[in-house]
């Protein structure tokens, strides 16, 4: 394996990080995930009948 200088390693890590980021964004905004994510987002807003403890009355 040829010697890689530090700048080449930094460039490779940057490119890989960018590709991972773009992959996550594409996955998050894919149409087949929309319904699942909307259901999970609405789960936070549902009103539970029984409180789970805490100071809310």
Foldseek 3Di string as FASTA:
>chain_A
DDDDDPVVVVVVVVVVVVVVVVVVVCVVPPPVCVVVVVVVVCVVVDDDPDDPDDDDD
